[in-house]
């Protein structure tokens, strides 16, 4: 490649990038719409891998001359099919779900930080305290529980919000407190 092709290689490559880019972009949007909300919701590790792969294919489609639109569409469709298959097995098999998905974990309960759980999740107390402040709590004495959810958000449940059949009683029974 000489200096002139490095700076300008003619109009044809730019036109190709625009046509392929628009086609690939619209195809991705269509495939994501067809594949459902799960693809666009809070991501699991598998969802993240799919998103990165879609981005990689899209980027390569834009910049590689030897990749046809049909090859790129095949890759996009394959990724969408993998997403469908994964969701199907995840809904049908608890074993499959347990292997590929995280579970919510109590980080604070009954006035105590659960150090073992904080360590497992590689978090410290400051994240829990920050979540409590964001929820409007001035004191941890008013907090019943803090849970790290499967989408990596922290749920803060106040003592006044706690009911008889709490939404986290299953976690209390299953977690090492």
N, C-alpha and C. Protein backbone atom coordinates (compact mmCIF):
# COMPACT_ATOMS: atom_id res chain seq x y z
N UNK A 1 0.86 -1.18 0.00
CA UNK A 1 0.00 0.00 0.00
C UNK A 1 0.90 1.23 0.00
N UNK A 2 0.74 2.10 -0.98
CA UNK A 2 1.54 3.32 -1.00
C UNK A 2 0.81 4.44 -0.25
N UNK A 3 1.46 5.58 -0.14
CA UNK A 3 0.90 6.68 0.64
C UNK A 3 -0.44 7.17 0.10
N UNK A 4 -0.62 7.14 -1.20
CA UNK A 4 -1.87 7.63 -1.76
C UNK A 4 -3.04 6.71 -1.45
N UNK A 5 -2.82 5.38 -1.49
CA UNK A 5 -3.92 4.47 -1.16
C UNK A 5 -4.17 4.44 0.34
N UNK A 6 -3.15 4.78 1.11
CA UNK A 6 -3.35 4.85 2.56
C UNK A 6 -4.31 5.99 2.89
N UNK A 7 -4.18 7.10 2.20
CA UNK A 7 -5.03 8.27 2.45
C UNK A 7 -6.33 8.23 1.66
N UNK A 8 -6.26 7.78 0.43
CA UNK A 8 -7.45 7.78 -0.44
C UNK A 8 -7.36 6.61 -1.40
N UNK A 9 -8.35 5.75 -1.35
CA UNK A 9 -8.36 4.57 -2.21
C UNK A 9 -9.54 4.63 -3.17
N UNK A 10 -10.04 5.80 -3.37
CA UNK A 10 -11.15 5.96 -4.29
C UNK A 10 -12.49 5.98 -3.58
N UNK A 11 -13.51 6.25 -4.33
CA UNK A 11 -14.86 6.35 -3.79
C UNK A 11 -15.51 4.99 -3.57
N UNK A 12 -15.15 4.01 -4.36
CA UNK A 12 -15.79 2.69 -4.30
C UNK A 12 -15.73 2.05 -2.90
N UNK A 13 -14.58 2.04 -2.20
CA UNK A 13 -14.56 1.45 -0.86
C UNK A 13 -15.48 2.18 0.12
N UNK A 14 -15.60 3.49 -0.03
CA UNK A 14 -16.47 4.26 0.86
C UNK A 14 -17.94 3.95 0.59
N UNK A 15 -18.29 3.84 -0.67
CA UNK A 15 -19.66 3.48 -1.04
C UNK A 15 -19.98 2.09 -0.50
N UNK A 16 -19.04 1.16 -0.63
CA UNK A 16 -19.23 -0.20 -0.12
C UNK A 16 -19.49 -0.18 1.39
N UNK A 17 -18.68 0.59 2.12
CA UNK A 17 -18.85 0.68 3.58
C UNK A 17 -20.23 1.22 3.92
N UNK A 18 -20.69 2.24 3.21
CA UNK A 18 -22.01 2.82 3.49
C UNK A 18 -23.11 1.81 3.19
N UNK A 19 -23.05 1.17 2.04
CA UNK A 19 -24.10 0.20 1.66
C UNK A 19 -24.10 -1.00 2.61
N UNK A 20 -22.92 -1.57 2.83
CA UNK A 20 -22.82 -2.73 3.72
C UNK A 20 -23.18 -2.34 5.15
N UNK A 21 -22.73 -1.17 5.59
CA UNK A 21 -23.02 -0.72 6.95
C UNK A 21 -24.50 -0.55 7.20
N UNK A 22 -25.18 0.12 6.29
CA UNK A 22 -26.62 0.34 6.44
C UNK A 22 -27.36 -1.00 6.39
N UNK A 23 -27.00 -1.85 5.44
CA UNK A 23 -27.66 -3.16 5.33
C UNK A 23 -27.42 -4.00 6.58
N UNK A 24 -26.18 -4.06 7.04
CA UNK A 24 -25.87 -4.85 8.24
C UNK A 24 -26.55 -4.28 9.47
N UNK A 25 -26.55 -2.95 9.61
CA UNK A 25 -27.18 -2.31 10.75
C UNK A 25 -28.68 -2.62 10.80
N UNK A 26 -29.35 -2.43 9.68
CA UNK A 26 -30.78 -2.72 9.63
C UNK A 26 -31.06 -4.20 9.88
N UNK A 27 -30.19 -5.06 9.38
CA UNK A 27 -30.35 -6.50 9.61
C UNK A 27 -30.21 -6.84 11.09
N UNK A 28 -29.21 -6.25 11.75
CA UNK A 28 -29.02 -6.50 13.18
C UNK A 28 -30.24 -6.04 13.96
N UNK A 29 -30.72 -4.83 13.68
CA UNK A 29 -31.90 -4.32 14.38
C UNK A 29 -33.09 -5.24 14.16
N UNK A 30 -33.31 -5.68 12.94
CA UNK A 30 -34.42 -6.59 12.64
C UNK A 30 -34.27 -7.91 13.38
N UNK A 31 -33.08 -8.48 13.35
CA UNK A 31 -32.84 -9.77 14.03
C UNK A 31 -33.04 -9.61 15.54
N UNK A 32 -32.55 -8.51 16.12
CA UNK A 32 -32.74 -8.29 17.56
C UNK A 32 -34.21 -8.10 17.91
N UNK A 33 -34.95 -7.42 17.06
CA UNK A 33 -36.38 -7.24 17.31
C UNK A 33 -37.11 -8.58 17.24
N UNK A 34 -36.74 -9.41 16.27
CA UNK A 34 -37.38 -10.72 16.12
C UNK A 34 -37.01 -11.63 17.29
N UNK A 35 -35.76 -11.54 17.75
CA UNK A 35 -35.31 -12.46 18.80
C UNK A 35 -35.86 -12.13 20.17
N UNK A 36 -36.48 -10.98 20.34
CA UNK A 36 -37.22 -10.70 21.56
C UNK A 36 -36.49 -9.81 22.55
N UNK A 37 -37.23 -9.43 23.58
CA UNK A 37 -36.72 -8.51 24.58
C UNK A 37 -35.54 -9.07 25.36
N UNK A 38 -35.51 -10.39 25.52
CA UNK A 38 -34.45 -11.00 26.31
C UNK A 38 -33.07 -10.61 25.78
N UNK A 39 -32.95 -10.49 24.49
CA UNK A 39 -31.68 -10.13 23.87
C UNK A 39 -31.25 -8.73 24.28
N UNK A 40 -32.21 -7.85 24.51
CA UNK A 40 -31.89 -6.47 24.81
C UNK A 40 -31.97 -6.15 26.30
N UNK A 41 -32.42 -7.07 27.11
CA UNK A 41 -32.57 -6.83 28.54
C UNK A 41 -31.22 -6.90 29.23
N UNK A 42 -31.23 -6.82 30.53
CA UNK A 42 -30.00 -6.95 31.30
C UNK A 42 -29.31 -8.24 30.90
N UNK A 43 -28.03 -8.13 30.69
CA UNK A 43 -27.32 -9.24 30.05
C UNK A 43 -26.70 -10.22 31.03
N UNK A 44 -26.85 -11.49 30.71
CA UNK A 44 -26.09 -12.54 31.38
C UNK A 44 -24.75 -12.65 30.66
N UNK A 45 -23.89 -13.52 31.14
CA UNK A 45 -22.60 -13.71 30.49
C UNK A 45 -22.78 -14.16 29.04
N UNK A 46 -23.73 -15.06 28.81
CA UNK A 46 -23.98 -15.53 27.45
C UNK A 46 -24.48 -14.39 26.57
N UNK A 47 -25.38 -13.58 27.09
CA UNK A 47 -25.89 -12.44 26.33
C UNK A 47 -24.77 -11.48 25.98
N UNK A 48 -23.86 -11.28 26.93
CA UNK A 48 -22.73 -10.39 26.69
C UNK A 48 -21.86 -10.91 25.55
N UNK A 49 -21.59 -12.21 25.57
CA UNK A 49 -20.78 -12.82 24.51
C UNK A 49 -21.47 -12.63 23.16
N UNK A 50 -22.77 -12.84 23.11
CA UNK A 50 -23.51 -12.64 21.87
C UNK A 50 -23.40 -11.19 21.41
N UNK A 51 -23.55 -10.25 22.34
CA UNK A 51 -23.47 -8.83 21.97
C UNK A 51 -22.09 -8.47 21.42
N UNK A 52 -21.05 -8.97 22.07
CA UNK A 52 -19.69 -8.71 21.60
C UNK A 52 -19.48 -9.34 20.22
N UNK A 53 -19.98 -10.56 20.04
CA UNK A 53 -19.83 -11.24 18.75
C UNK A 53 -20.56 -10.49 17.64
N UNK A 54 -21.76 -10.01 17.94
CA UNK A 54 -22.51 -9.23 16.94
C UNK A 54 -21.72 -7.97 16.58
N UNK A 55 -21.16 -7.31 17.58
CA UNK A 55 -20.35 -6.13 17.32
C UNK A 55 -19.12 -6.44 16.49
N UNK A 56 -18.48 -7.57 16.79
CA UNK A 56 -17.29 -7.96 16.03
C UNK A 56 -17.64 -8.26 14.57
N UNK A 57 -18.74 -8.99 14.37
CA UNK A 57 -19.16 -9.29 12.99
C UNK A 57 -19.52 -8.01 12.26
N UNK A 58 -20.23 -7.11 12.95
CA UNK A 58 -20.62 -5.84 12.33
C UNK A 58 -19.39 -5.03 11.93
N UNK A 59 -18.43 -4.93 12.84
CA UNK A 59 -17.20 -4.19 12.55
C UNK A 59 -16.43 -4.80 11.39
N UNK A 60 -16.33 -6.11 11.40
CA UNK A 60 -15.62 -6.80 10.32
C UNK A 60 -16.36 -6.63 8.99
N UNK A 61 -17.67 -6.67 9.05
CA UNK A 61 -18.48 -6.49 7.84
C UNK A 61 -18.21 -5.12 7.21
N UNK A 62 -18.08 -4.12 8.05
CA UNK A 62 -17.83 -2.77 7.54
C UNK A 62 -16.44 -2.61 6.92
N UNK A 63 -15.47 -3.29 7.49
CA UNK A 63 -14.08 -2.98 7.12
C UNK A 63 -13.39 -4.02 6.25
N UNK A 64 -13.96 -5.20 6.09
CA UNK A 64 -13.31 -6.25 5.31
C UNK A 64 -13.96 -6.36 3.94
N UNK A 65 -13.14 -6.28 2.92
CA UNK A 65 -13.66 -6.36 1.55
C UNK A 65 -14.08 -7.77 1.18
N UNK A 66 -13.43 -8.80 1.75
CA UNK A 66 -13.71 -10.18 1.32
C UNK A 66 -14.88 -10.81 2.07
N UNK A 67 -15.61 -10.08 2.87
CA UNK A 67 -16.74 -10.65 3.59
C UNK A 67 -18.02 -10.15 2.94
N UNK A 68 -18.79 -11.08 2.39
CA UNK A 68 -20.03 -10.69 1.71
C UNK A 68 -21.13 -10.42 2.73
N UNK A 69 -22.12 -9.70 2.28
CA UNK A 69 -23.27 -9.42 3.15
C UNK A 69 -23.96 -10.72 3.54
N UNK A 70 -24.04 -11.67 2.61
CA UNK A 70 -24.69 -12.95 2.94
C UNK A 70 -23.92 -13.69 4.02
N UNK A 71 -22.60 -13.61 4.02
CA UNK A 71 -21.81 -14.25 5.08
C UNK A 71 -22.05 -13.56 6.42
N UNK A 72 -22.10 -12.24 6.40
CA UNK A 72 -22.36 -11.49 7.62
C UNK A 72 -23.76 -11.80 8.15
N UNK A 73 -24.76 -11.82 7.26
CA UNK A 73 -26.12 -12.14 7.69
C UNK A 73 -26.21 -13.55 8.26
N UNK A 74 -25.48 -14.48 7.66
CA UNK A 74 -25.44 -15.85 8.20
C UNK A 74 -24.89 -15.84 9.62
N UNK A 75 -23.84 -15.07 9.85
CA UNK A 75 -23.27 -14.98 11.19
C UNK A 75 -24.26 -14.35 12.17
N UNK A 76 -24.94 -13.28 11.76
CA UNK A 76 -25.94 -12.64 12.63
C UNK A 76 -27.08 -13.61 12.96
N UNK A 77 -27.55 -14.31 11.95
CA UNK A 77 -28.65 -15.26 12.16
C UNK A 77 -28.20 -16.40 13.06
N UNK A 78 -26.97 -16.89 12.87
CA UNK A 78 -26.44 -17.93 13.74
C UNK A 78 -26.42 -17.47 15.19
N UNK A 79 -25.98 -16.25 15.43
CA UNK A 79 -25.94 -15.73 16.80
C UNK A 79 -27.35 -15.61 17.39
N UNK A 80 -28.31 -15.18 16.58
CA UNK A 80 -29.70 -15.10 17.05
C UNK A 80 -30.26 -16.48 17.36
N UNK A 81 -29.94 -17.46 16.51
CA UNK A 81 -30.39 -18.84 16.75
C UNK A 81 -29.77 -19.38 18.03
N UNK A 82 -28.48 -19.12 18.23
CA UNK A 82 -27.83 -19.55 19.48
C UNK A 82 -28.53 -18.94 20.68
N UNK A 83 -28.93 -17.69 20.56
CA UNK A 83 -29.66 -17.02 21.65
C UNK A 83 -30.99 -17.72 21.92
N UNK A 84 -31.73 -18.05 20.85
CA UNK A 84 -33.00 -18.78 21.00
C UNK A 84 -32.78 -20.14 21.66
N UNK A 85 -31.79 -20.88 21.19
CA UNK A 85 -31.50 -22.21 21.72
C UNK A 85 -31.13 -22.11 23.20
N UNK A 86 -30.28 -21.16 23.52
CA UNK A 86 -29.86 -20.97 24.90
C UNK A 86 -31.08 -20.66 25.78
N UNK A 87 -31.93 -19.75 25.33
CA UNK A 87 -33.13 -19.38 26.10
C UNK A 87 -34.05 -20.58 26.27
N UNK A 88 -34.20 -21.39 25.24
CA UNK A 88 -35.05 -22.57 25.31
C UNK A 88 -34.55 -23.53 26.39
N UNK A 89 -33.27 -23.88 26.33
CA UNK A 89 -32.72 -24.82 27.32
C UNK A 89 -32.69 -24.21 28.72
N UNK A 90 -32.49 -22.93 28.79
CA UNK A 90 -32.49 -22.26 30.08
C UNK A 90 -33.87 -22.36 30.74
N UNK A 91 -34.92 -22.24 29.95
CA UNK A 91 -36.28 -22.33 30.48
C UNK A 91 -36.71 -23.76 30.76
N UNK A 92 -36.12 -24.73 30.08
CA UNK A 92 -36.53 -26.13 30.23
C UNK A 92 -35.70 -26.91 31.24
N UNK A 93 -34.49 -26.45 31.54
CA UNK A 93 -33.59 -27.25 32.37
C UNK A 93 -32.99 -26.41 33.50
N UNK A 94 -33.29 -26.81 34.74
CA UNK A 94 -32.69 -26.13 35.88
C UNK A 94 -31.18 -26.32 35.91
N UNK A 95 -30.71 -27.50 35.51
CA UNK A 95 -29.27 -27.75 35.46
C UNK A 95 -28.60 -26.79 34.51
N UNK A 96 -29.15 -26.64 33.33
CA UNK A 96 -28.61 -25.72 32.33
C UNK A 96 -28.61 -24.29 32.88
N UNK A 97 -29.72 -23.91 33.52
CA UNK A 97 -29.84 -22.57 34.08
C UNK A 97 -28.78 -22.35 35.16
N UNK A 98 -28.57 -23.35 36.01
CA UNK A 98 -27.59 -23.22 37.09
C UNK A 98 -26.17 -23.12 36.57
N UNK A 99 -25.88 -23.78 35.47
CA UNK A 99 -24.53 -23.74 34.90
C UNK A 99 -24.23 -22.37 34.31
N UNK A 100 -25.17 -21.79 33.60
CA UNK A 100 -24.90 -20.58 32.83
C UNK A 100 -25.35 -19.28 33.46
N UNK A 101 -26.16 -19.33 34.49
CA UNK A 101 -26.66 -18.09 35.09
C UNK A 101 -26.20 -17.94 36.52
N UNK A 102 -26.05 -16.70 36.91
CA UNK A 102 -25.73 -16.42 38.30
C UNK A 102 -27.03 -16.43 39.11
N UNK A 103 -26.88 -16.40 40.40
CA UNK A 103 -28.04 -16.35 41.29
C UNK A 103 -27.93 -15.08 42.13
N UNK A 104 -29.05 -14.55 42.57
CA UNK A 104 -28.97 -13.40 43.47
C UNK A 104 -28.25 -13.80 44.76
N UNK A 105 -27.56 -12.84 45.37
CA UNK A 105 -26.82 -13.17 46.59
C UNK A 105 -27.02 -12.05 47.62
N UNK A 106 -27.33 -12.45 48.84
CA UNK A 106 -27.45 -11.50 49.94
C UNK A 106 -26.06 -10.95 50.28
N UNK A 107 -25.99 -9.63 50.42
CA UNK A 107 -24.73 -9.00 50.81
C UNK A 107 -24.82 -8.37 52.20
N UNK A 108 -26.04 -8.02 52.58
CA UNK A 108 -26.28 -7.40 53.88
C UNK A 108 -27.61 -7.94 54.37
N UNK A 109 -27.63 -8.40 55.62
CA UNK A 109 -28.88 -8.95 56.15
C UNK A 109 -28.87 -8.87 57.66
N UNK A 110 -30.00 -8.48 58.22
CA UNK A 110 -30.19 -8.51 59.66
C UNK A 110 -29.11 -7.70 60.39
N UNK A 111 -28.77 -6.54 59.83
CA UNK A 111 -27.81 -5.65 60.48
C UNK A 111 -26.35 -6.01 60.27
N UNK A 112 -26.07 -6.99 59.43
CA UNK A 112 -24.68 -7.41 59.25
C UNK A 112 -24.30 -7.50 57.77
N UNK A 113 -23.09 -7.08 57.48
CA UNK A 113 -22.53 -7.31 56.15
C UNK A 113 -22.11 -8.77 56.08
N UNK A 114 -22.47 -9.43 55.02
CA UNK A 114 -22.13 -10.84 54.85
C UNK A 114 -20.80 -10.91 54.10
N UNK A 115 -19.72 -10.87 54.90
CA UNK A 115 -18.36 -10.76 54.36
C UNK A 115 -18.04 -11.88 53.36
N UNK A 116 -18.48 -13.08 53.68
CA UNK A 116 -18.20 -14.22 52.79
C UNK A 116 -18.81 -13.98 51.40
N UNK A 117 -20.05 -13.50 51.39
CA UNK A 117 -20.72 -13.24 50.12
C UNK A 117 -20.12 -12.03 49.39
N UNK A 118 -19.74 -11.01 50.14
CA UNK A 118 -19.07 -9.86 49.53
C UNK A 118 -17.78 -10.31 48.86
N UNK A 119 -17.04 -11.16 49.55
CA UNK A 119 -15.77 -11.66 49.00
C UNK A 119 -16.01 -12.50 47.75
N UNK A 120 -17.02 -13.38 47.78
CA UNK A 120 -17.33 -14.22 46.61
C UNK A 120 -17.65 -13.37 45.39
N UNK A 121 -18.32 -12.25 45.61
CA UNK A 121 -18.74 -11.38 44.51
C UNK A 121 -17.72 -10.28 44.21
N UNK A 122 -16.62 -10.29 44.93
CA UNK A 122 -15.54 -9.30 44.75
C UNK A 122 -16.07 -7.87 44.90
N UNK A 123 -16.84 -7.67 45.94
CA UNK A 123 -17.38 -6.35 46.27
C UNK A 123 -16.93 -5.96 47.66
N UNK A 124 -17.00 -4.68 47.96
CA UNK A 124 -16.71 -4.25 49.32
C UNK A 124 -17.92 -3.49 49.89
N UNK A 125 -17.83 -3.18 51.16
CA UNK A 125 -18.95 -2.54 51.85
C UNK A 125 -19.34 -1.21 51.22
N UNK A 126 -18.37 -0.52 50.64
CA UNK A 126 -18.66 0.81 50.08
C UNK A 126 -19.72 0.74 48.98
N UNK A 127 -19.74 -0.33 48.20
CA UNK A 127 -20.75 -0.49 47.14
C UNK A 127 -22.14 -0.65 47.75
N UNK A 128 -22.21 -1.41 48.83
CA UNK A 128 -23.48 -1.64 49.52
C UNK A 128 -23.97 -0.34 50.15
N UNK A 129 -23.06 0.37 50.79
CA UNK A 129 -23.42 1.65 51.40
C UNK A 129 -23.88 2.66 50.35
N UNK A 130 -23.20 2.68 49.22
CA UNK A 130 -23.57 3.57 48.13
C UNK A 130 -24.98 3.26 47.62
N UNK A 131 -25.28 1.98 47.47
CA UNK A 131 -26.62 1.57 47.01
C UNK A 131 -27.69 2.01 48.01
N UNK A 132 -27.39 1.89 49.30
CA UNK A 132 -28.34 2.31 50.33
C UNK A 132 -28.56 3.82 50.27
N UNK A 133 -27.48 4.57 50.10
CA UNK A 133 -27.62 6.04 49.99
C UNK A 133 -28.45 6.42 48.77
N UNK A 134 -28.19 5.76 47.64
CA UNK A 134 -28.94 6.06 46.41
C UNK A 134 -30.42 5.79 46.58
N UNK A 135 -30.74 4.82 47.43
CA UNK A 135 -32.15 4.48 47.68
C UNK A 135 -32.77 5.41 48.73
N UNK A 136 -31.94 6.29 49.32
CA UNK A 136 -32.45 7.27 50.27
C UNK A 136 -32.31 6.90 51.73
N UNK A 137 -31.54 5.89 52.03
CA UNK A 137 -31.35 5.48 53.41
C UNK A 137 -30.16 6.23 54.01
N UNK A 138 -30.39 6.86 55.16
CA UNK A 138 -29.32 7.56 55.85
C UNK A 138 -28.58 6.67 56.82
N UNK A 139 -29.18 5.55 57.15
CA UNK A 139 -28.58 4.63 58.11
C UNK A 139 -28.86 3.19 57.70
N UNK A 140 -27.86 2.35 57.88
CA UNK A 140 -28.05 0.92 57.59
C UNK A 140 -28.99 0.28 58.60
N UNK A 141 -29.26 0.97 59.72
CA UNK A 141 -30.22 0.45 60.70
C UNK A 141 -31.63 0.36 60.11
N UNK A 142 -31.88 1.13 59.05
CA UNK A 142 -33.19 1.12 58.41
C UNK A 142 -33.27 0.13 57.25
N UNK A 143 -32.16 -0.55 56.97
CA UNK A 143 -32.09 -1.48 55.84
C UNK A 143 -32.23 -2.91 56.33
N UNK A 144 -33.16 -3.65 55.72
CA UNK A 144 -33.34 -5.06 56.08
C UNK A 144 -32.36 -5.94 55.32
N UNK A 145 -32.18 -5.66 54.02
CA UNK A 145 -31.32 -6.52 53.21
C UNK A 145 -30.83 -5.75 51.98
N UNK A 146 -29.65 -6.16 51.51
CA UNK A 146 -29.13 -5.69 50.23
C UNK A 146 -28.77 -6.94 49.44
N UNK A 147 -29.26 -7.00 48.21
CA UNK A 147 -29.11 -8.19 47.37
C UNK A 147 -28.42 -7.80 46.07
N UNK A 148 -27.40 -8.57 45.70
CA UNK A 148 -26.80 -8.43 44.38
C UNK A 148 -27.64 -9.27 43.44
N UNK A 149 -28.31 -8.60 42.50
CA UNK A 149 -29.22 -9.28 41.58
C UNK A 149 -28.46 -9.91 40.42
N UNK A 150 -29.14 -10.74 39.64
CA UNK A 150 -28.48 -11.44 38.54
C UNK A 150 -28.02 -10.49 37.43
N UNK A 151 -28.57 -9.29 37.38
CA UNK A 151 -28.13 -8.32 36.37
C UNK A 151 -27.07 -7.37 36.93
N UNK A 152 -26.51 -7.72 38.08
CA UNK A 152 -25.42 -6.99 38.74
C UNK A 152 -25.87 -5.69 39.41
N UNK A 153 -27.17 -5.46 39.54
CA UNK A 153 -27.64 -4.30 40.28
C UNK A 153 -27.81 -4.68 41.74
N UNK A 154 -27.80 -3.68 42.60
CA UNK A 154 -27.99 -3.91 44.02
C UNK A 154 -29.40 -3.48 44.41
N UNK A 155 -30.17 -4.40 44.98
CA UNK A 155 -31.50 -4.09 45.49
C UNK A 155 -31.39 -3.84 46.99
N UNK A 156 -31.94 -2.73 47.42
CA UNK A 156 -31.92 -2.37 48.84
C UNK A 156 -33.35 -2.43 49.34
N UNK A 157 -33.58 -3.24 50.37
CA UNK A 157 -34.92 -3.41 50.92
C UNK A 157 -34.92 -2.85 52.34
N UNK A 158 -35.78 -1.85 52.54
CA UNK A 158 -35.87 -1.23 53.86
C UNK A 158 -36.69 -2.09 54.81
N UNK A 159 -36.44 -1.89 56.09
CA UNK A 159 -37.19 -2.65 57.09
C UNK A 159 -38.68 -2.36 57.01
N UNK A 160 -39.04 -1.13 56.65
CA UNK A 160 -40.46 -0.78 56.54
C UNK A 160 -41.10 -1.40 55.30
N UNK A 161 -40.28 -1.81 54.31
CA UNK A 161 -40.80 -2.42 53.08
C UNK A 161 -40.90 -3.93 53.19
N UNK A 162 -40.34 -4.47 54.24
CA UNK A 162 -40.25 -5.91 54.40
C UNK A 162 -41.63 -6.46 54.79
N UNK A 163 -42.06 -7.47 54.09
CA UNK A 163 -43.35 -8.09 54.39
C UNK A 163 -43.17 -9.46 55.02
N UNK A 164 -44.30 -10.08 55.34
CA UNK A 164 -44.25 -11.42 55.96
C UNK A 164 -43.64 -12.44 55.00
N UNK A 165 -44.06 -12.42 53.76
CA UNK A 165 -43.49 -13.30 52.74
C UNK A 165 -42.53 -12.47 51.89
N UNK A 166 -41.38 -12.19 52.44
CA UNK A 166 -40.45 -11.29 51.75
C UNK A 166 -39.97 -11.88 50.43
N UNK A 167 -39.58 -10.98 49.55
CA UNK A 167 -39.12 -11.39 48.22
C UNK A 167 -37.74 -12.03 48.27
N UNK A 168 -37.12 -12.00 49.43
CA UNK A 168 -35.78 -12.57 49.53
C UNK A 168 -35.67 -13.70 50.57
N UNK A 169 -36.80 -14.18 51.07
CA UNK A 169 -36.76 -15.25 52.08
C UNK A 169 -36.07 -16.50 51.56
N UNK A 170 -36.23 -16.79 50.26
CA UNK A 170 -35.56 -17.94 49.66
C UNK A 170 -34.04 -17.79 49.72
N UNK A 171 -33.56 -16.57 49.56
CA UNK A 171 -32.12 -16.32 49.64
C UNK A 171 -31.60 -16.52 51.05
N UNK A 172 -32.40 -16.11 52.03
CA UNK A 172 -32.00 -16.28 53.43
C UNK A 172 -31.86 -17.76 53.75
N UNK A 173 -32.79 -18.56 53.25
CA UNK A 173 -32.75 -20.00 53.50
C UNK A 173 -31.58 -20.68 52.81
N UNK A 174 -31.21 -20.22 51.60
CA UNK A 174 -30.17 -20.89 50.81
C UNK A 174 -28.76 -20.38 51.07
N UNK A 175 -28.62 -19.12 51.48
CA UNK A 175 -27.29 -18.53 51.65
C UNK A 175 -26.67 -18.91 52.98
N UNK A 176 -25.35 -18.98 52.97
CA UNK A 176 -24.61 -19.14 54.22
C UNK A 176 -24.54 -17.77 54.88
N UNK A 177 -25.23 -17.62 55.98
CA UNK A 177 -25.25 -16.30 56.64
C UNK A 177 -24.16 -16.18 57.66
